[in-house]
């Protein structure tokens, strides 16, 4: 299969792209096209997932699985991924400003992650607590907030 295939015009027109958004790569999924632009991943059902909202993506022989920062899971069955895995990894990684694991007193730790839109300002911080820690624990959250202030001061973010 040629790497120089073009995205069909009707698919390109159906994308709800923002001004200045451009297609980087695409592939055909079981249910339609999956498209990576410079700003977002478009799933075959038309869902637009901005890269700064993708917590993780994984590939296997069945296709791609995407988990968003708000916990929504997506799956696309894809037999020939073409350049989509590499593009998705690069674009998601480009949104991460800071990704630092900090030990908390007496118990595990927390990963502090600052994300931004491509070319934009820092949107905010996410706490990802180690396995077994309760993110709803007020004492733990207070320790994480204190760790975040230290990281922000040291990194100027």
N, C-alpha and C. Protein backbone atom coordinates (compact mmCIF):
# COMPACT_ATOMS: atom_id res chain seq x y z
N UNK A 1 0.85 -1.18 0.00
CA UNK A 1 0.00 0.00 0.00
C UNK A 1 0.90 1.24 0.00
N UNK A 2 0.55 2.19 -0.78
CA UNK A 2 1.33 3.42 -0.90
C UNK A 2 1.15 4.31 0.33
N UNK A 3 2.24 4.94 0.76
CA UNK A 3 2.13 5.87 1.89
C UNK A 3 1.62 7.23 1.43
N UNK A 4 1.46 7.38 0.12
CA UNK A 4 1.05 8.68 -0.42
C UNK A 4 -0.44 8.74 -0.74
N UNK A 5 -1.24 7.88 -0.11
CA UNK A 5 -2.69 7.94 -0.30
C UNK A 5 -3.20 9.27 0.24
N UNK A 6 -4.31 9.72 -0.33
CA UNK A 6 -4.91 10.97 0.13
C UNK A 6 -6.18 10.66 0.91
N UNK A 7 -6.42 11.49 1.92
CA UNK A 7 -7.64 11.37 2.69
C UNK A 7 -8.80 11.73 1.78
N UNK A 8 -9.83 10.89 1.69
CA UNK A 8 -10.96 11.20 0.81
C UNK A 8 -11.57 12.57 1.14
N UNK A 9 -11.97 13.30 0.12
CA UNK A 9 -12.48 14.66 0.28
C UNK A 9 -13.69 14.71 1.21
N UNK A 10 -14.58 13.71 1.12
CA UNK A 10 -15.76 13.73 1.99
C UNK A 10 -15.38 13.54 3.46
N UNK A 11 -14.34 12.78 3.73
CA UNK A 11 -13.87 12.60 5.12
C UNK A 11 -13.23 13.90 5.60
N UNK A 12 -12.42 14.50 4.75
CA UNK A 12 -11.77 15.76 5.12
C UNK A 12 -12.81 16.83 5.44
N UNK A 13 -13.87 16.91 4.63
CA UNK A 13 -14.92 17.91 4.85
C UNK A 13 -15.73 17.63 6.11
N UNK A 14 -15.82 16.34 6.50
CA UNK A 14 -16.61 15.99 7.68
C UNK A 14 -15.88 16.31 9.00
N UNK A 15 -14.58 16.56 8.93
CA UNK A 15 -13.83 16.87 10.15
C UNK A 15 -14.21 18.26 10.64
N UNK A 16 -14.48 18.36 11.91
CA UNK A 16 -14.82 19.65 12.53
C UNK A 16 -13.53 20.30 13.01
N UNK A 17 -12.71 20.69 12.05
CA UNK A 17 -11.38 21.21 12.39
C UNK A 17 -11.44 22.68 12.79
N UNK A 18 -10.47 23.06 13.61
CA UNK A 18 -10.31 24.45 14.00
C UNK A 18 -9.49 25.16 12.93
N UNK A 19 -9.52 26.48 12.95
CA UNK A 19 -8.75 27.26 12.00
C UNK A 19 -7.27 26.94 12.18
N UNK A 20 -6.59 26.68 11.09
CA UNK A 20 -5.17 26.37 11.12
C UNK A 20 -4.87 24.90 11.39
N UNK A 21 -5.90 24.10 11.61
CA UNK A 21 -5.69 22.68 11.86
C UNK A 21 -5.47 21.97 10.53
N UNK A 22 -4.49 21.08 10.50
CA UNK A 22 -4.20 20.38 9.25
C UNK A 22 -3.98 18.89 9.50
N UNK A 23 -4.32 18.09 8.52
CA UNK A 23 -4.19 16.64 8.62
C UNK A 23 -2.71 16.27 8.52
N UNK A 24 -2.25 15.44 9.48
CA UNK A 24 -0.87 14.94 9.46
C UNK A 24 -0.81 13.53 8.88
N UNK A 25 -1.73 12.67 9.33
CA UNK A 25 -1.79 11.30 8.83
C UNK A 25 -3.17 10.73 9.13
N UNK A 26 -3.47 9.60 8.52
CA UNK A 26 -4.76 8.94 8.74
C UNK A 26 -4.62 7.48 8.40
N UNK A 27 -5.61 6.71 8.82
CA UNK A 27 -5.71 5.31 8.43
C UNK A 27 -7.17 4.93 8.43
N UNK A 28 -7.45 3.79 7.83
CA UNK A 28 -8.82 3.30 7.82
C UNK A 28 -9.02 2.34 8.96
N UNK A 29 -10.08 2.59 9.73
CA UNK A 29 -10.46 1.68 10.80
C UNK A 29 -11.59 0.81 10.33
N UNK A 30 -12.04 -0.08 11.18
CA UNK A 30 -13.14 -0.98 10.83
C UNK A 30 -14.43 -0.20 10.59
N UNK A 31 -14.57 0.96 11.24
CA UNK A 31 -15.81 1.73 11.15
C UNK A 31 -15.65 3.06 10.41
N UNK A 32 -14.51 3.30 9.79
CA UNK A 32 -14.28 4.55 9.08
C UNK A 32 -12.84 5.00 9.25
N UNK A 33 -12.59 6.25 8.95
CA UNK A 33 -11.23 6.79 9.02
C UNK A 33 -10.89 7.31 10.41
N UNK A 34 -9.65 7.12 10.79
CA UNK A 34 -9.09 7.70 12.01
C UNK A 34 -8.02 8.67 11.53
N UNK A 35 -8.15 9.93 11.97
CA UNK A 35 -7.31 10.99 11.42
C UNK A 35 -6.56 11.71 12.55
N UNK A 36 -5.27 11.92 12.33
CA UNK A 36 -4.46 12.71 13.26
C UNK A 36 -4.15 14.04 12.59
N UNK A 37 -4.55 15.13 13.25
CA UNK A 37 -4.20 16.46 12.76
C UNK A 37 -3.10 17.01 13.66
N UNK A 38 -2.72 18.24 13.44
CA UNK A 38 -1.71 18.85 14.30
C UNK A 38 -2.26 19.19 15.68
N UNK A 39 -3.60 19.17 15.86
CA UNK A 39 -4.21 19.55 17.14
C UNK A 39 -5.00 18.45 17.84
N UNK A 40 -5.47 17.43 17.10
CA UNK A 40 -6.36 16.45 17.71
C UNK A 40 -6.39 15.14 16.94
N UNK A 41 -6.93 14.13 17.61
CA UNK A 41 -7.18 12.84 16.99
C UNK A 41 -8.68 12.76 16.71
N UNK A 42 -9.04 12.44 15.48
CA UNK A 42 -10.44 12.28 15.09
C UNK A 42 -10.72 10.79 14.95
N UNK A 43 -11.69 10.32 15.72
CA UNK A 43 -12.06 8.92 15.67
C UNK A 43 -13.07 8.68 14.57
N UNK A 44 -13.29 7.42 14.23
CA UNK A 44 -14.15 7.09 13.09
C UNK A 44 -15.60 7.54 13.29
N UNK A 45 -16.03 7.73 14.54
CA UNK A 45 -17.41 8.18 14.79
C UNK A 45 -17.53 9.71 14.77
N UNK A 46 -16.43 10.40 14.43
CA UNK A 46 -16.44 11.85 14.37
C UNK A 46 -16.00 12.53 15.66
N UNK A 47 -15.75 11.76 16.71
CA UNK A 47 -15.29 12.34 17.98
C UNK A 47 -13.92 12.97 17.81
N UNK A 48 -13.80 14.21 18.29
CA UNK A 48 -12.52 14.93 18.24
C UNK A 48 -11.91 14.89 19.63
N UNK A 49 -10.70 14.35 19.75
CA UNK A 49 -10.02 14.25 21.04
C UNK A 49 -8.73 15.08 20.96
N UNK A 50 -8.74 16.27 21.56
CA UNK A 50 -7.52 17.09 21.56
C UNK A 50 -6.38 16.34 22.26
N UNK A 51 -5.17 16.49 21.76
CA UNK A 51 -4.03 15.76 22.31
C UNK A 51 -3.80 16.05 23.78
N UNK A 52 -4.06 17.27 24.23
CA UNK A 52 -3.84 17.61 25.63
C UNK A 52 -4.82 16.90 26.56
N UNK A 53 -5.86 16.27 26.00
CA UNK A 53 -6.83 15.52 26.80
C UNK A 53 -6.60 14.02 26.77
N UNK A 54 -5.55 13.58 26.09
CA UNK A 54 -5.24 12.15 26.02
C UNK A 54 -4.23 11.82 27.13
N UNK A 55 -4.68 10.98 28.06
CA UNK A 55 -3.81 10.56 29.15
C UNK A 55 -2.85 9.48 28.66
N UNK A 56 -3.39 8.51 27.93
CA UNK A 56 -2.52 7.47 27.38
C UNK A 56 -3.19 6.82 26.18
N UNK A 57 -2.34 6.32 25.31
CA UNK A 57 -2.81 5.58 24.13
C UNK A 57 -1.92 4.35 23.99
N UNK A 58 -2.52 3.24 23.61
CA UNK A 58 -1.74 2.02 23.42
C UNK A 58 -2.20 1.32 22.14
N UNK A 59 -1.26 0.59 21.55
CA UNK A 59 -1.51 -0.12 20.31
C UNK A 59 -1.28 -1.60 20.51
N UNK A 60 -2.07 -2.42 19.83
CA UNK A 60 -1.81 -3.85 19.75
C UNK A 60 -2.32 -4.32 18.39
N UNK A 61 -2.34 -5.63 18.17
CA UNK A 61 -2.73 -6.14 16.86
C UNK A 61 -4.18 -5.86 16.51
N UNK A 62 -5.00 -5.50 17.49
CA UNK A 62 -6.41 -5.20 17.22
C UNK A 62 -6.63 -3.75 16.82
N UNK A 63 -5.85 -2.84 17.40
CA UNK A 63 -6.06 -1.43 17.10
C UNK A 63 -5.49 -0.52 18.17
N UNK A 64 -6.13 0.63 18.33
CA UNK A 64 -5.65 1.64 19.29
C UNK A 64 -6.69 1.81 20.41
N UNK A 65 -6.17 1.96 21.62
CA UNK A 65 -7.00 2.26 22.79
C UNK A 65 -6.53 3.60 23.33
N UNK A 66 -7.48 4.49 23.58
CA UNK A 66 -7.17 5.83 24.06
C UNK A 66 -7.93 6.06 25.37
N UNK A 67 -7.20 6.56 26.37
CA UNK A 67 -7.81 6.93 27.65
C UNK A 67 -7.62 8.44 27.80
N UNK A 68 -8.73 9.15 28.01
CA UNK A 68 -8.63 10.61 28.16
C UNK A 68 -8.40 10.96 29.63
N UNK A 69 -8.01 12.20 29.87
CA UNK A 69 -7.72 12.64 31.23
C UNK A 69 -8.97 12.63 32.11
N UNK A 70 -10.16 12.63 31.53
CA UNK A 70 -11.38 12.55 32.33
C UNK A 70 -11.91 11.12 32.45
N UNK A 71 -11.08 10.13 32.04
CA UNK A 71 -11.43 8.72 32.24
C UNK A 71 -12.22 8.06 31.14
N UNK A 72 -12.50 8.75 30.05
CA UNK A 72 -13.26 8.15 28.94
C UNK A 72 -12.32 7.27 28.11
N UNK A 73 -12.80 6.08 27.80
CA UNK A 73 -12.01 5.13 27.01
C UNK A 73 -12.58 5.04 25.59
N UNK A 74 -11.67 5.01 24.62
CA UNK A 74 -12.06 4.85 23.21
C UNK A 74 -11.26 3.69 22.64
N UNK A 75 -11.86 2.98 21.70
CA UNK A 75 -11.16 1.91 21.00
C UNK A 75 -11.48 2.00 19.52
N UNK A 76 -10.45 1.89 18.70
CA UNK A 76 -10.61 1.86 17.25
C UNK A 76 -9.93 0.60 16.72
N UNK A 77 -10.70 -0.24 16.04
CA UNK A 77 -10.13 -1.44 15.41
C UNK A 77 -9.43 -1.00 14.13
N UNK A 78 -8.11 -1.24 14.09
CA UNK A 78 -7.29 -0.81 12.96
C UNK A 78 -6.34 -1.95 12.59
N UNK A 79 -6.37 -2.36 11.34
CA UNK A 79 -5.49 -3.45 10.92
C UNK A 79 -4.15 -2.93 10.40
N UNK A 80 -4.14 -1.77 9.77
CA UNK A 80 -2.90 -1.20 9.25
C UNK A 80 -2.75 0.23 9.78
N UNK A 81 -1.98 0.42 10.85
CA UNK A 81 -1.92 1.74 11.49
C UNK A 81 -1.19 2.82 10.71
N UNK A 82 -0.36 2.41 9.73
CA UNK A 82 0.44 3.39 8.98
C UNK A 82 1.27 4.25 9.94
N UNK A 83 1.24 5.56 9.86
CA UNK A 83 2.05 6.45 10.71
C UNK A 83 1.28 6.96 11.93
N UNK A 84 0.08 6.44 12.16
CA UNK A 84 -0.74 6.93 13.27
C UNK A 84 -0.10 6.74 14.64
N UNK A 85 0.48 5.58 14.97
CA UNK A 85 1.07 5.43 16.31
C UNK A 85 2.17 6.44 16.60
N UNK A 86 3.07 6.62 15.65
CA UNK A 86 4.18 7.56 15.84
C UNK A 86 3.68 9.00 15.96
N UNK A 87 2.72 9.35 15.12
CA UNK A 87 2.18 10.71 15.14
C UNK A 87 1.45 10.97 16.44
N UNK A 88 0.64 10.02 16.87
CA UNK A 88 -0.11 10.17 18.11
C UNK A 88 0.85 10.32 19.30
N UNK A 89 1.87 9.48 19.37
CA UNK A 89 2.85 9.57 20.46
C UNK A 89 3.53 10.93 20.47
N UNK A 90 3.99 11.38 19.32
CA UNK A 90 4.70 12.66 19.24
C UNK A 90 3.79 13.82 19.63
N UNK A 91 2.57 13.81 19.14
CA UNK A 91 1.64 14.92 19.42
C UNK A 91 1.23 14.95 20.89
N UNK A 92 0.93 13.80 21.49
CA UNK A 92 0.57 13.76 22.91
C UNK A 92 1.77 14.21 23.75
N UNK A 93 2.95 13.67 23.46
CA UNK A 93 4.14 14.06 24.23
C UNK A 93 4.43 15.55 24.12
N UNK A 94 4.11 16.15 22.99
CA UNK A 94 4.39 17.58 22.81
C UNK A 94 3.50 18.46 23.70
N UNK A 95 2.41 17.90 24.25
CA UNK A 95 1.54 18.68 25.13
C UNK A 95 2.01 18.67 26.58
N UNK A 96 2.94 17.79 26.90
CA UNK A 96 3.41 17.65 28.28
C UNK A 96 4.54 18.64 28.55
N UNK A 97 4.30 19.54 29.49
CA UNK A 97 5.29 20.55 29.87
C UNK A 97 6.15 20.00 31.01
N UNK A 98 5.50 19.40 32.00
CA UNK A 98 6.20 18.82 33.15
C UNK A 98 5.55 17.48 33.46
N UNK A 99 6.37 16.48 33.74
CA UNK A 99 5.91 15.17 34.16
C UNK A 99 6.91 14.70 35.21
N UNK A 100 6.58 14.88 36.47
CA UNK A 100 7.54 14.62 37.55
C UNK A 100 6.88 13.81 38.65
N UNK A 101 7.54 12.72 39.04
CA UNK A 101 7.07 11.90 40.16
C UNK A 101 7.71 12.43 41.43
N UNK A 102 6.89 12.63 42.46
CA UNK A 102 7.35 13.16 43.75
C UNK A 102 6.92 12.18 44.84
N UNK A 103 7.87 11.82 45.72
CA UNK A 103 7.54 10.96 46.86
C UNK A 103 6.79 11.77 47.90
N UNK A 104 5.78 11.14 48.49
CA UNK A 104 5.01 11.78 49.56
C UNK A 104 5.46 11.20 50.90
N UNK A 105 5.44 12.00 51.96
CA UNK A 105 5.91 11.55 53.27
C UNK A 105 5.18 10.29 53.75
N UNK A 106 5.96 9.24 54.00
CA UNK A 106 5.42 8.04 54.61
C UNK A 106 4.65 7.09 53.71
N UNK A 107 4.41 7.48 52.46
CA UNK A 107 3.61 6.59 51.61
C UNK A 107 3.72 6.98 50.14
N UNK A 108 4.11 6.07 49.32
CA UNK A 108 4.08 6.24 47.87
C UNK A 108 4.41 7.62 47.36
N UNK A 109 3.78 7.95 46.26
CA UNK A 109 4.03 9.23 45.65
C UNK A 109 2.95 9.63 44.68
N UNK A 110 3.22 10.73 43.98
CA UNK A 110 2.27 11.28 43.03
C UNK A 110 3.04 11.77 41.81
N UNK A 111 2.46 11.54 40.64
CA UNK A 111 3.03 12.08 39.40
C UNK A 111 2.31 13.40 39.14
N UNK A 112 3.08 14.46 38.99
CA UNK A 112 2.54 15.79 38.71
C UNK A 112 2.74 16.07 37.23
N UNK A 113 1.64 16.36 36.54
CA UNK A 113 1.71 16.55 35.09
C UNK A 113 1.08 17.88 34.72
N UNK A 114 1.84 18.70 34.00
CA UNK A 114 1.32 19.96 33.45
C UNK A 114 1.19 19.77 31.95
N UNK A 115 0.03 20.14 31.40
CA UNK A 115 -0.23 19.99 29.97
C UNK A 115 -0.57 21.33 29.36
N UNK A 116 -0.42 21.42 28.04
CA UNK A 116 -0.79 22.62 27.30
C UNK A 116 -1.34 22.20 25.94
N UNK A 117 -2.12 23.08 25.37
CA UNK A 117 -2.54 22.88 23.98
C UNK A 117 -1.30 23.09 23.12
N UNK A 118 -1.21 22.47 21.96
CA UNK A 118 -0.06 22.69 21.10
C UNK A 118 0.16 24.19 20.85
N UNK A 119 1.32 24.67 21.25
CA UNK A 119 1.67 26.08 21.05
C UNK A 119 1.02 27.03 22.03
N UNK A 120 0.32 26.52 23.05
CA UNK A 120 -0.43 27.38 23.95
C UNK A 120 0.15 27.44 25.35
N UNK A 121 -0.62 28.06 26.23
CA UNK A 121 -0.25 28.22 27.64
C UNK A 121 -0.52 26.92 28.41
N UNK A 122 0.08 26.81 29.59
CA UNK A 122 -0.18 25.67 30.45
C UNK A 122 -1.65 25.70 30.88
N UNK A 123 -2.34 24.58 30.68
CA UNK A 123 -3.77 24.49 30.99
C UNK A 123 -4.01 24.19 32.46
N UNK A 124 -3.16 23.43 33.04
CA UNK A 124 -3.35 23.05 34.43
C UNK A 124 -2.52 21.83 34.77
N UNK A 125 -2.68 21.41 36.00
CA UNK A 125 -1.91 20.29 36.53
C UNK A 125 -2.83 19.12 36.85
N UNK A 126 -2.30 17.92 36.69
CA UNK A 126 -3.02 16.70 37.03
C UNK A 126 -2.20 15.94 38.06
N UNK A 127 -2.89 15.38 39.06
CA UNK A 127 -2.25 14.51 40.04
C UNK A 127 -2.57 13.06 39.65
N UNK A 128 -1.54 12.23 39.53
CA UNK A 128 -1.73 10.81 39.28
C UNK A 128 -1.06 10.09 40.44
N UNK A 129 -1.88 9.62 41.38
CA UNK A 129 -1.36 8.99 42.59
C UNK A 129 -0.92 7.56 42.31
N UNK A 130 0.11 7.12 43.05
CA UNK A 130 0.58 5.74 42.93
C UNK A 130 -0.55 4.77 43.27
N UNK A 131 -0.43 3.58 42.72
CA UNK A 131 -1.39 2.50 42.97
C UNK A 131 -1.58 2.32 44.48
N UNK A 132 -2.83 2.18 44.90
CA UNK A 132 -3.13 1.94 46.30
C UNK A 132 -3.38 3.19 47.12
N UNK A 133 -3.11 4.37 46.56
CA UNK A 133 -3.37 5.62 47.28
C UNK A 133 -4.74 6.15 46.88
N UNK A 134 -5.44 6.71 47.84
CA UNK A 134 -6.79 7.22 47.61
C UNK A 134 -6.74 8.70 47.22
N UNK A 135 -7.03 9.04 45.97
CA UNK A 135 -6.97 10.44 45.54
C UNK A 135 -7.99 11.34 46.24
N UNK A 136 -8.99 10.74 46.90
CA UNK A 136 -10.00 11.53 47.61
C UNK A 136 -9.59 11.83 49.05
N UNK A 137 -8.49 11.27 49.51
CA UNK A 137 -8.01 11.49 50.88
C UNK A 137 -7.52 12.93 51.01
N UNK A 138 -8.18 13.76 51.86
CA UNK A 138 -7.81 15.18 51.98
C UNK A 138 -6.36 15.40 52.42
N UNK A 139 -5.87 14.57 53.32
CA UNK A 139 -4.48 14.70 53.76
C UNK A 139 -3.50 14.43 52.63
N UNK A 140 -3.80 13.41 51.84
CA UNK A 140 -2.97 13.07 50.70
C UNK A 140 -3.00 14.18 49.65
N UNK A 141 -4.18 14.72 49.39
CA UNK A 141 -4.32 15.83 48.43
C UNK A 141 -3.52 17.04 48.91
N UNK A 142 -3.56 17.32 50.22
CA UNK A 142 -2.81 18.45 50.76
C UNK A 142 -1.31 18.25 50.57
N UNK A 143 -0.82 17.03 50.77
CA UNK A 143 0.59 16.74 50.54
C UNK A 143 0.94 16.91 49.06
N UNK A 144 0.05 16.47 48.19
CA UNK A 144 0.28 16.60 46.75
C UNK A 144 0.31 18.08 46.33
N UNK A 145 -0.60 18.86 46.89
CA UNK A 145 -0.63 20.31 46.60
C UNK A 145 0.67 20.97 47.04
N UNK A 146 1.16 20.58 48.22
CA UNK A 146 2.42 21.13 48.73
C UNK A 146 3.57 20.73 47.81
N UNK A 147 3.59 19.48 47.36
CA UNK A 147 4.62 19.03 46.43
C UNK A 147 4.54 19.80 45.11
N UNK A 148 3.31 20.05 44.67
CA UNK A 148 3.12 20.80 43.42
C UNK A 148 3.70 22.21 43.54
N UNK A 149 3.46 22.88 44.67
CA UNK A 149 4.00 24.23 44.85
C UNK A 149 5.53 24.23 44.77
N UNK A 150 6.15 23.21 45.35
CA UNK A 150 7.61 23.09 45.27
C UNK A 150 8.09 22.89 43.85
N UNK A 151 7.40 22.05 43.09
CA UNK A 151 7.77 21.81 41.70
C UNK A 151 7.56 23.07 40.86
N UNK A 152 6.44 23.75 41.07
CA UNK A 152 6.17 24.98 40.31
C UNK A 152 7.25 26.04 40.57
N UNK A 153 7.63 26.21 41.83
CA UNK A 153 8.68 27.18 42.15
C UNK A 153 10.01 26.80 41.51
N UNK A 154 10.37 25.53 41.61
CA UNK A 154 11.68 25.10 41.10
C UNK A 154 11.74 25.12 39.56
N UNK A 155 10.61 24.96 38.90
CA UNK A 155 10.60 24.90 37.44
C UNK A 155 10.08 26.17 36.79
N UNK A 156 9.54 27.06 37.58
CA UNK A 156 9.05 28.32 37.02
C UNK A 156 7.81 28.17 36.15
N UNK A 157 7.01 27.16 36.45
CA UNK A 157 5.80 26.91 35.65
C UNK A 157 4.57 27.18 36.49
